[in-house]
Amino acid sequence: MIRVSIKTTYMVKPAERTCTRKLPLSELDKTSIFGHIPTFYFYTQSPNNWIVVLQTLKSSLSCTLVHFFLLADLLSALVGGRLELDCNVAGVQFVEAYVDKKLIDLYTFLPSLIYHQLIPSIDYHNTPLEEIPFAFHFVCEWTMTSRGELLESLPYLDKKVLRAGDPPWAISSTCKACNHKPEQPTALATPIDVRSKMRSPLPRKYFVNALPRKYFGNDVINVIVTGCADEIVSKPLGYSSSKIRDAIERVDDDYVKSVIDFLKIREFLSKF
């Protein structure tokens, strides 16, 4: 067990004026699972002056949020389980806390309940950063700013690129575990990244495949693989994997846009 003492909690806001209006999210953003992935960074070298370190972290975070301002805003609920971004520059929470252990006392970096004590409580009204590539992008740019360097690459925040138009082989095990009847239809949802599946509407230099470089938002959809329980269970594993591969290969630009349009016309999105 470790004892955590919180000294001060700050709300860090962007250093400059940013967008102050409500912004719509893409349909894929609205159906992503909102949450946070706890991430820890350990530094073995102890600084001589913690006051300077803390001030540097806060000031560099404030500067970085000018470009990643979506993280400093709040989510507003709309009808049908939909959400929009309320750009009121609420800021992000920065907690200064101390523990009664040294780094050497945390002898293992394996998953452990001890690390849960280092995670502050989360306000899920703020914009969640649950997608690893974008979280890593933000941290990398924050790191560069704290060193006094310029940002290497700005995030692409325009959600219109994935907005709707105007009005692991687990399937076999699941069938067995649920004791499906031989003729019972079975479906498996497989999440895929659609970046490589879409055609680029702008010159190539601005994009990786189809979406803008450093697009800041959800770009994952679920592809549904279907079959009868009997064929899934009785045939070799390669049969199930080939059905998954075929379903993924059918996804193209038109497929992705049809998914977004489908979500757009749903009255309620909470079940997605």
C-alpha atoms as a PDB file:
ATOM      1  CA  MET A   1       0.000   0.000   0.000  1.00  0.00           C
ATOM      2  CA  ILE A   2       1.070   3.552  -0.633  1.00  0.00           C
ATOM      3  CA  ARG A   3      -0.250   6.777   0.810  1.00  0.00           C
ATOM      4  CA  VAL A   4      -0.986   9.588  -1.634  1.00  0.00           C
ATOM      5  CA  SER A   5      -1.204  13.170  -0.406  1.00  0.00           C
ATOM      6  CA  ILE A   6      -2.736  15.714  -2.767  1.00  0.00           C
ATOM      7  CA  LYS A   7      -1.191  19.129  -2.198  1.00  0.00           C
ATOM      8  CA  THR A   8      -2.911  21.261  -4.836  1.00  0.00           C
ATOM      9  CA  THR A   9      -5.283  20.861  -7.761  1.00  0.00           C
ATOM     10  CA  TYR A  10      -5.126  23.342 -10.639  1.00  0.00           C
ATOM     11  CA  MET A  11      -7.267  23.967 -13.699  1.00  0.00           C
ATOM     12  CA  VAL A  12      -4.854  24.767 -16.509  1.00  0.00           C
ATOM     13  CA  LYS A  13      -6.361  26.739 -19.396  1.00  0.00           C
ATOM     14  CA  PRO A  14      -4.947  27.492 -22.851  1.00  0.00           C
ATOM     15  CA  ALA A  15      -2.428  30.322 -22.813  1.00  0.00           C
ATOM     16  CA  GLU A  16      -4.188  32.095 -25.683  1.00  0.00           C
ATOM     17  CA  ARG A  17      -7.769  32.653 -26.763  1.00  0.00           C
ATOM     18  CA  THR A  18      -9.231  29.647 -28.584  1.00  0.00           C
ATOM     19  CA  CYS A  19     -12.563  28.633 -30.083  1.00  0.00           C
ATOM     20  CA  THR A  20     -15.505  29.611 -27.843  1.00  0.00           C
ATOM     21  CA  ARG A  21     -18.510  28.033 -29.507  1.00  0.00           C
ATOM     22  CA  LYS A  22     -20.168  24.655 -29.638  1.00  0.00           C
ATOM     23  CA  LEU A  23     -18.677  22.192 -32.091  1.00  0.00           C
ATOM     24  CA  PRO A  24     -20.350  19.053 -33.441  1.00  0.00           C
ATOM     25  CA  LEU A  25     -18.545  15.756 -33.086  1.00  0.00           C
ATOM     26  CA  SER A  26     -18.278  13.208 -35.864  1.00  0.00           C
ATOM     27  CA  GLU A  27     -20.703  10.300 -35.733  1.00  0.00           C
ATOM     28  CA  LEU A  28     -17.809   7.985 -34.889  1.00  0.00           C
ATOM     29  CA  ASP A  29     -16.779  10.193 -31.954  1.00  0.00           C
ATOM     30  CA  LYS A  30     -20.310   9.935 -30.595  1.00  0.00           C
ATOM     31  CA  THR A  31     -20.259   6.135 -30.597  1.00  0.00           C
ATOM     32  CA  SER A  32     -16.770   5.601 -29.197  1.00  0.00           C
ATOM     33  CA  ILE A  33     -16.371   4.339 -25.633  1.00  0.00           C
ATOM     34  CA  PHE A  34     -15.661   7.332 -23.436  1.00  0.00           C
ATOM     35  CA  GLY A  35     -13.011   6.745 -20.865  1.00  0.00           C
ATOM     36  CA  HIS A  36      -9.367   7.206 -19.994  1.00  0.00           C
ATOM     37  CA  ILE A  37      -6.382   4.910 -20.271  1.00  0.00           C
ATOM     38  CA  PRO A  38      -4.137   5.463 -17.233  1.00  0.00           C
ATOM     39  CA  THR A  39      -0.565   6.121 -18.362  1.00  0.00           C
ATOM     40  CA  PHE A  40       2.454   6.496 -16.111  1.00  0.00           C
ATOM     41  CA  TYR A  41       5.799   8.091 -16.935  1.00  0.00           C
ATOM     42  CA  PHE A  42       8.630   7.341 -14.539  1.00  0.00           C
ATOM     43  CA  TYR A  43      11.767   9.487 -14.328  1.00  0.00           C
ATOM     44  CA  THR A  44      14.696   8.141 -12.341  1.00  0.00           C
ATOM     45  CA  GLN A  45      16.575  11.428 -12.072  1.00  0.00           C
ATOM     46  CA  SER A  46      15.240  13.682  -9.356  1.00  0.00           C
ATOM     47  CA  PRO A  47      15.298  17.420 -10.195  1.00  0.00           C
ATOM     48  CA  ASN A  48      17.013  19.886  -7.916  1.00  0.00           C
ATOM     49  CA  ASN A  49      14.060  22.247  -7.812  1.00  0.00           C
ATOM     50  CA  TRP A  50      10.551  20.809  -7.917  1.00  0.00           C
ATOM     51  CA  ILE A  51       8.989  24.278  -7.943  1.00  0.00           C
ATOM     52  CA  VAL A  52      10.653  25.029 -11.281  1.00  0.00           C
ATOM     53  CA  VAL A  53       9.608  21.638 -12.665  1.00  0.00           C
ATOM     54  CA  LEU A  54       5.975  22.098 -11.688  1.00  0.00           C
ATOM     55  CA  GLN A  55       5.847  25.616 -13.094  1.00  0.00           C
ATOM     56  CA  THR A  56       7.396  24.390 -16.352  1.00  0.00           C
ATOM     57  CA  LEU A  57       4.880  21.571 -16.639  1.00  0.00           C
ATOM     58  CA  LYS A  58       1.932  23.890 -16.057  1.00  0.00           C
ATOM     59  CA  SER A  59       3.099  26.660 -18.373  1.00  0.00           C
ATOM     60  CA  SER A  60       4.028  24.238 -21.170  1.00  0.00           C
ATOM     61  CA  LEU A  61       0.686  22.456 -20.762  1.00  0.00           C
ATOM     62  CA  SER A  62      -1.088  25.794 -21.081  1.00  0.00           C
ATOM     63  CA  CYS A  63       0.807  26.542 -24.301  1.00  0.00           C
ATOM     64  CA  THR A  64       0.151  23.070 -25.735  1.00  0.00           C
ATOM     65  CA  LEU A  65      -3.578  23.363 -25.037  1.00  0.00           C
ATOM     66  CA  VAL A  66      -3.758  26.322 -27.408  1.00  0.00           C
ATOM     67  CA  HIS A  67      -3.425  23.801 -30.243  1.00  0.00           C
ATOM     68  CA  PHE A  68      -5.160  20.875 -28.472  1.00  0.00           C
ATOM     69  CA  PHE A  69      -7.955  23.070 -27.114  1.00  0.00           C
ATOM     70  CA  LEU A  70     -10.565  20.324 -27.553  1.00  0.00           C
ATOM     71  CA  LEU A  71      -9.105  18.674 -24.446  1.00  0.00           C
ATOM     72  CA  ALA A  72      -9.808  21.780 -22.389  1.00  0.00           C
ATOM     73  CA  ASP A  73     -13.522  21.808 -23.210  1.00  0.00           C
ATOM     74  CA  LEU A  74     -16.623  20.057 -21.909  1.00  0.00           C
ATOM     75  CA  LEU A  75     -19.010  17.556 -23.442  1.00  0.00           C
ATOM     76  CA  SER A  76     -22.679  18.503 -23.652  1.00  0.00           C
ATOM     77  CA  ALA A  77     -25.438  15.895 -23.921  1.00  0.00           C
ATOM     78  CA  LEU A  78     -27.961  16.098 -26.737  1.00  0.00           C
ATOM     79  CA  VAL A  79     -31.091  14.054 -27.360  1.00  0.00           C
ATOM     80  CA  GLY A  80     -30.687  10.447 -28.443  1.00  0.00           C
ATOM     81  CA  GLY A  81     -27.460   9.847 -26.550  1.00  0.00           C
ATOM     82  CA  ARG A  82     -25.544  12.244 -28.798  1.00  0.00           C
ATOM     83  CA  LEU A  83     -22.848  14.644 -27.672  1.00  0.00           C
ATOM     84  CA  GLU A  84     -21.362  17.929 -28.768  1.00  0.00           C
ATOM     85  CA  LEU A  85     -18.319  19.839 -27.637  1.00  0.00           C
ATOM     86  CA  ASP A  86     -18.920  22.979 -25.591  1.00  0.00           C
ATOM     87  CA  CYS A  87     -15.821  25.087 -26.205  1.00  0.00           C
ATOM     88  CA  ASN A  88     -15.897  27.093 -22.987  1.00  0.00           C
ATOM     89  CA  VAL A  89     -12.184  26.673 -22.255  1.00  0.00           C
ATOM     90  CA  ALA A  90     -12.857  25.047 -18.899  1.00  0.00           C
ATOM     91  CA  GLY A  91      -9.286  23.788 -18.789  1.00  0.00           C
ATOM     92  CA  VAL A  92      -7.718  20.493 -17.757  1.00  0.00           C
ATOM     93  CA  GLN A  93      -7.038  19.268 -14.256  1.00  0.00           C
ATOM     94  CA  PHE A  94      -3.437  19.269 -13.047  1.00  0.00           C
ATOM     95  CA  VAL A  95      -2.844  17.598  -9.699  1.00  0.00           C
ATOM     96  CA  GLU A  96       0.258  18.037  -7.554  1.00  0.00           C
ATOM     97  CA  ALA A  97       0.524  15.018  -5.268  1.00  0.00           C
ATOM     98  CA  TYR A  98       3.148  13.195  -3.250  1.00  0.00           C
ATOM     99  CA  VAL A  99       3.504   9.561  -2.151  1.00  0.00           C
ATOM    100  CA  ASP A 100       5.303   7.970   0.762  1.00  0.00           C
ATOM    101  CA  LYS A 101       7.372   5.713  -1.517  1.00  0.00           C
ATOM    102  CA  LYS A 102      10.454   6.123  -3.675  1.00  0.00           C
ATOM    103  CA  LEU A 103      10.600   4.927  -7.247  1.00  0.00           C
ATOM    104  CA  ILE A 104      12.904   2.100  -6.242  1.00  0.00           C
ATOM    105  CA  ASP A 105      10.167   0.868  -3.895  1.00  0.00           C
ATOM    106  CA  LEU A 106       7.916   0.274  -6.885  1.00  0.00           C
ATOM    107  CA  TYR A 107      10.000  -2.741  -7.769  1.00  0.00           C
ATOM    108  CA  THR A 108       7.836  -3.933 -10.650  1.00  0.00           C
ATOM    109  CA  PHE A 109       6.324  -2.253 -13.670  1.00  0.00           C
ATOM    110  CA  LEU A 110       3.872  -5.082 -14.153  1.00  0.00           C
ATOM    111  CA  PRO A 111       0.137  -4.300 -13.800  1.00  0.00           C
ATOM    112  CA  SER A 112      -0.600  -3.915 -10.121  1.00  0.00           C
ATOM    113  CA  LEU A 113      -3.385  -2.591  -7.922  1.00  0.00           C
ATOM    114  CA  ILE A 114      -0.839  -0.296  -6.308  1.00  0.00           C
ATOM    115  CA  TYR A 115      -0.890   1.936  -9.379  1.00  0.00           C
ATOM    116  CA  HIS A 116      -4.623   2.490  -9.087  1.00  0.00           C
ATOM    117  CA  GLN A 117      -3.902   4.573  -6.015  1.00  0.00           C
ATOM    118  CA  LEU A 118      -1.940   6.979  -8.227  1.00  0.00           C
ATOM    119  CA  ILE A 119      -4.896   7.662 -10.548  1.00  0.00           C
ATOM    120  CA  PRO A 120      -6.911  10.793  -9.682  1.00  0.00           C
ATOM    121  CA  SER A 121     -10.692  10.838  -9.904  1.00  0.00           C
ATOM    122  CA  ILE A 122     -11.924  11.645 -13.400  1.00  0.00           C
ATOM    123  CA  ASP A 123     -14.556  14.166 -14.456  1.00  0.00           C
ATOM    124  CA  TYR A 124     -16.126  12.611 -17.546  1.00  0.00           C
ATOM    125  CA  HIS A 125     -17.733  15.862 -18.576  1.00  0.00           C
ATOM    126  CA  ASN A 126     -14.324  16.724 -20.002  1.00  0.00           C
ATOM    127  CA  THR A 127     -13.259  15.528 -23.421  1.00  0.00           C
ATOM    128  CA  PRO A 128     -11.865  12.001 -22.966  1.00  0.00           C
ATOM    129  CA  LEU A 129      -8.585  11.021 -24.576  1.00  0.00           C
ATOM    130  CA  GLU A 130      -9.061   7.294 -24.895  1.00  0.00           C
ATOM    131  CA  GLU A 131      -7.358   6.661 -28.216  1.00  0.00           C
ATOM    132  CA  ILE A 132      -3.713   5.801 -27.794  1.00  0.00           C
ATOM    133  CA  PRO A 133      -2.265   7.393 -30.984  1.00  0.00           C
ATOM    134  CA  PHE A 134      -3.804  10.768 -30.166  1.00  0.00           C
ATOM    135  CA  ALA A 135      -2.897  10.600 -26.477  1.00  0.00           C
ATOM    136  CA  PHE A 136       0.689   9.828 -27.437  1.00  0.00           C
ATOM    137  CA  HIS A 137       0.666  12.696 -29.945  1.00  0.00           C
ATOM    138  CA  PHE A 138      -0.500  15.132 -27.270  1.00  0.00           C
ATOM    139  CA  VAL A 139       2.093  13.985 -24.723  1.00  0.00           C
ATOM    140  CA  CYS A 140       4.909  14.182 -27.297  1.00  0.00           C
ATOM    141  CA  GLU A 141       3.987  17.750 -28.220  1.00  0.00           C
ATOM    142  CA  TRP A 142       3.636  18.727 -24.552  1.00  0.00           C
ATOM    143  CA  THR A 143       7.103  17.289 -23.918  1.00  0.00           C
ATOM    144  CA  MET A 144       8.618  19.346 -26.722  1.00  0.00           C
ATOM    145  CA  THR A 145       6.955  22.499 -25.432  1.00  0.00           C
ATOM    146  CA  SER A 146       8.258  21.883 -21.908  1.00  0.00           C
ATOM    147  CA  ARG A 147      11.779  21.723 -23.361  1.00  0.00           C
ATOM    148  CA  GLY A 148      11.272  25.102 -24.999  1.00  0.00           C
ATOM    149  CA  GLU A 149      10.966  23.637 -28.497  1.00  0.00           C
ATOM    150  CA  LEU A 150       8.348  24.304 -31.139  1.00  0.00           C
ATOM    151  CA  LEU A 151       5.529  21.831 -31.741  1.00  0.00           C
ATOM    152  CA  GLU A 152       6.512  19.263 -34.338  1.00  0.00           C
ATOM    153  CA  SER A 153       3.065  18.571 -35.791  1.00  0.00           C
ATOM    154  CA  LEU A 154      -0.267  20.214 -35.051  1.00  0.00           C
ATOM    155  CA  PRO A 155      -3.415  18.131 -34.515  1.00  0.00           C
ATOM    156  CA  TYR A 156      -6.090  18.134 -37.213  1.00  0.00           C
ATOM    157  CA  LEU A 157      -9.276  19.138 -35.394  1.00  0.00           C
ATOM    158  CA  ASP A 158     -11.807  19.548 -38.208  1.00  0.00           C
ATOM    159  CA  LYS A 159     -14.462  16.912 -37.499  1.00  0.00           C
ATOM    160  CA  LYS A 160     -16.187  17.446 -40.861  1.00  0.00           C
ATOM    161  CA  VAL A 161     -13.880  14.936 -42.548  1.00  0.00           C
ATOM    162  CA  LEU A 162     -15.758  12.127 -40.772  1.00  0.00           C
ATOM    163  CA  ARG A 163     -19.215  13.627 -40.505  1.00  0.00           C
ATOM    164  CA  ALA A 164     -22.278  12.142 -42.138  1.00  0.00           C
ATOM    165  CA  GLY A 165     -23.717  13.567 -45.342  1.00  0.00           C
ATOM    166  CA  ASP A 166     -26.796  15.726 -45.209  1.00  0.00           C
ATOM    167  CA  PRO A 167     -30.051  13.902 -44.443  1.00  0.00           C
ATOM    168  CA  PRO A 168      -9.444 -12.330 -32.995  1.00  0.00           C
ATOM    169  CA  TRP A 169     -11.285 -15.362 -33.848  1.00  0.00           C
ATOM    170  CA  ALA A 170     -13.359 -15.216 -30.707  1.00  0.00           C
ATOM    171  CA  ILE A 171     -16.511 -16.072 -32.667  1.00  0.00           C
ATOM    172  CA  SER A 172     -16.026 -19.839 -32.403  1.00  0.00           C
ATOM    173  CA  SER A 173     -15.377 -19.737 -28.652  1.00  0.00           C
ATOM    174  CA  THR A 174     -18.431 -17.523 -28.178  1.00  0.00           C
ATOM    175  CA  CYS A 175     -20.655 -20.006 -29.972  1.00  0.00           C
ATOM    176  CA  LYS A 176     -19.455 -22.805 -27.712  1.00  0.00           C
ATOM    177  CA  ALA A 177     -19.656 -20.780 -24.510  1.00  0.00           C
ATOM    178  CA  CYS A 178     -23.206 -19.618 -25.263  1.00  0.00           C
ATOM    179  CA  ASN A 179     -24.276 -23.127 -26.289  1.00  0.00           C
ATOM    180  CA  HIS A 180     -25.719 -21.886 -29.570  1.00  0.00           C
ATOM    181  CA  LYS A 181     -27.937 -24.166 -31.590  1.00  0.00           C
ATOM    182  CA  PRO A 182     -26.402 -25.375 -34.885  1.00  0.00           C
ATOM    183  CA  GLU A 183     -28.714 -23.262 -37.035  1.00  0.00           C
ATOM    184  CA  GLN A 184     -28.502 -20.185 -34.825  1.00  0.00           C
ATOM    185  CA  PRO A 185     -27.128 -17.052 -36.571  1.00  0.00           C
ATOM    186  CA  THR A 186     -23.987 -15.707 -34.925  1.00  0.00           C
ATOM    187  CA  ALA A 187     -22.331 -12.320 -35.318  1.00  0.00           C
ATOM    188  CA  LEU A 188     -18.973 -10.899 -34.274  1.00  0.00           C
ATOM    189  CA  ALA A 189     -18.132  -7.182 -34.224  1.00  0.00           C
ATOM    190  CA  THR A 190     -14.516  -6.540 -35.212  1.00  0.00           C
ATOM    191  CA  PRO A 191     -13.141  -2.993 -34.699  1.00  0.00           C
ATOM    192  CA  ILE A 192     -10.956  -1.675 -37.521  1.00  0.00           C
ATOM    193  CA  ASP A 193      -9.104   1.571 -38.174  1.00  0.00           C
ATOM    194  CA  VAL A 194     -10.570   3.199 -41.303  1.00  0.00           C
ATOM    195  CA  ARG A 195      -7.614   5.487 -42.105  1.00  0.00           C
ATOM    196  CA  SER A 196      -6.368   3.235 -44.886  1.00  0.00           C
ATOM    197  CA  LYS A 197      -9.871   2.552 -46.201  1.00  0.00           C
ATOM    198  CA  MET A 198     -10.907   6.021 -47.358  1.00  0.00           C
ATOM    199  CA  ARG A 199     -10.157   8.114 -50.427  1.00  0.00           C
ATOM    200  CA  SER A 200      -8.473  11.441 -49.863  1.00  0.00           C
ATOM    201  CA  PRO A 201     -10.500  14.550 -50.790  1.00  0.00           C
ATOM    202  CA  LEU A 202      -7.404  16.768 -50.520  1.00  0.00           C
ATOM    203  CA  PRO A 203      -3.860  16.633 -51.952  1.00  0.00           C
ATOM    204  CA  ARG A 204      -1.760  13.740 -50.757  1.00  0.00           C
ATOM    205  CA  LYS A 205       0.745  15.850 -48.818  1.00  0.00           C
ATOM    206  CA  TYR A 206      -1.924  16.731 -46.240  1.00  0.00           C
ATOM    207  CA  PHE A 207      -3.005  13.157 -45.563  1.00  0.00           C
ATOM    208  CA  VAL A 208      -1.874   9.738 -44.479  1.00  0.00           C
ATOM    209  CA  ASN A 209      -3.979   7.585 -46.806  1.00  0.00           C
ATOM    210  CA  ALA A 210      -7.306   9.430 -46.591  1.00  0.00           C
ATOM    211  CA  LEU A 211      -7.604  11.109 -43.211  1.00  0.00           C
ATOM    212  CA  PRO A 212      -5.500  14.170 -42.371  1.00  0.00           C
ATOM    213  CA  ARG A 213      -2.197  13.616 -40.662  1.00  0.00           C
ATOM    214  CA  LYS A 214      -2.676  13.745 -36.875  1.00  0.00           C
ATOM    215  CA  TYR A 215      -6.495  13.684 -37.190  1.00  0.00           C
ATOM    216  CA  PHE A 216      -7.724  14.130 -33.623  1.00  0.00           C
ATOM    217  CA  GLY A 217     -10.790  11.941 -33.202  1.00  0.00           C
ATOM    218  CA  ASN A 218     -12.255   8.472 -33.402  1.00  0.00           C
ATOM    219  CA  ASP A 219     -11.562   6.659 -36.681  1.00  0.00           C
ATOM    220  CA  VAL A 220     -12.613   3.143 -35.665  1.00  0.00           C
ATOM    221  CA  ILE A 221     -15.760   1.337 -36.782  1.00  0.00           C
ATOM    222  CA  ASN A 222     -17.086  -2.145 -36.094  1.00  0.00           C
ATOM    223  CA  VAL A 223     -17.309  -4.614 -38.970  1.00  0.00           C
ATOM    224  CA  ILE A 224     -19.890  -7.346 -38.428  1.00  0.00           C
ATOM    225  CA  VAL A 225     -18.942 -10.918 -39.314  1.00  0.00           C
ATOM    226  CA  THR A 226     -21.880 -13.351 -39.525  1.00  0.00           C
ATOM    227  CA  GLY A 227     -22.408 -17.073 -39.895  1.00  0.00           C
ATOM    228  CA  CYS A 228     -24.308 -20.048 -38.486  1.00  0.00           C
ATOM    229  CA  ALA A 229     -23.068 -21.527 -35.239  1.00  0.00           C
ATOM    230  CA  ASP A 230     -22.665 -24.998 -36.751  1.00  0.00           C
ATOM    231  CA  GLU A 231     -20.280 -23.907 -39.509  1.00  0.00           C
ATOM    232  CA  ILE A 232     -18.311 -21.679 -37.168  1.00  0.00           C
ATOM    233  CA  VAL A 233     -17.757 -24.425 -34.590  1.00  0.00           C
ATOM    234  CA  SER A 234     -17.312 -27.451 -36.857  1.00  0.00           C
ATOM    235  CA  LYS A 235     -15.017 -25.987 -39.499  1.00  0.00           C
ATOM    236  CA  PRO A 236     -11.280 -25.291 -38.983  1.00  0.00           C
ATOM    237  CA  LEU A 237     -10.137 -22.074 -37.334  1.00  0.00           C
ATOM    238  CA  GLY A 238      -8.951 -20.810 -40.697  1.00  0.00           C
ATOM    239  CA  TYR A 239     -12.571 -20.664 -41.886  1.00  0.00           C
ATOM    240  CA  SER A 240     -13.532 -18.149 -39.184  1.00  0.00           C
ATOM    241  CA  SER A 241     -10.400 -16.102 -39.716  1.00  0.00           C
ATOM    242  CA  SER A 242     -11.036 -15.964 -43.459  1.00  0.00           C
ATOM    243  CA  LYS A 243     -14.572 -14.653 -42.864  1.00  0.00           C
ATOM    244  CA  ILE A 244     -13.137 -11.918 -40.639  1.00  0.00           C
ATOM    245  CA  ARG A 245     -10.508 -11.047 -43.242  1.00  0.00           C
ATOM    246  CA  ASP A 246     -13.086 -10.954 -46.042  1.00  0.00           C
ATOM    247  CA  ALA A 247     -15.342  -8.663 -44.014  1.00  0.00           C
ATOM    248  CA  ILE A 248     -12.463  -6.280 -43.346  1.00  0.00           C
ATOM    249  CA  GLU A 249     -11.414  -6.245 -46.997  1.00  0.00           C
ATOM    250  CA  ARG A 250     -14.928  -5.235 -48.056  1.00  0.00           C
ATOM    251  CA  VAL A 251     -14.599  -1.998 -46.109  1.00  0.00           C
ATOM    252  CA  ASP A 252     -13.841   0.916 -48.416  1.00  0.00           C
ATOM    253  CA  ASP A 253     -14.556   4.635 -48.643  1.00  0.00           C
ATOM    254  CA  ASP A 254     -18.221   4.113 -49.546  1.00  0.00           C
ATOM    255  CA  TYR A 255     -18.690   1.590 -46.729  1.00  0.00           C
ATOM    256  CA  VAL A 256     -17.265   3.969 -44.112  1.00  0.00           C
ATOM    257  CA  LYS A 257     -19.438   6.835 -45.320  1.00  0.00           C
ATOM    258  CA  SER A 258     -22.519   4.617 -45.276  1.00  0.00           C
ATOM    259  CA  VAL A 259     -21.811   3.704 -41.629  1.00  0.00           C
ATOM    260  CA  ILE A 260     -21.512   7.389 -40.734  1.00  0.00           C
ATOM    261  CA  ASP A 261     -24.734   8.211 -42.604  1.00  0.00           C
ATOM    262  CA  PHE A 262     -26.496   5.314 -40.872  1.00  0.00           C
ATOM    263  CA  LEU A 263     -25.479   6.620 -37.460  1.00  0.00           C
ATOM    264  CA  LYS A 264     -26.571  10.108 -38.441  1.00  0.00           C
ATOM    265  CA  ILE A 265     -30.209   9.096 -38.975  1.00  0.00           C
ATOM    266  CA  ARG A 266     -30.521   7.003 -35.797  1.00  0.00           C
ATOM    267  CA  GLU A 267     -32.735   8.605 -33.192  1.00  0.00           C
ATOM    268  CA  PHE A 268     -30.715   7.177 -30.303  1.00  0.00           C
ATOM    269  CA  LEU A 269     -26.988   6.403 -30.340  1.00  0.00           C
ATOM    270  CA  SER A 270     -26.559   5.055 -26.823  1.00  0.00           C
ATOM    271  CA  LYS A 271     -26.821   1.406 -27.942  1.00  0.00           C
ATOM    272  CA  PHE A 272     -24.007   1.902 -30.442  1.00  0.00           C
END
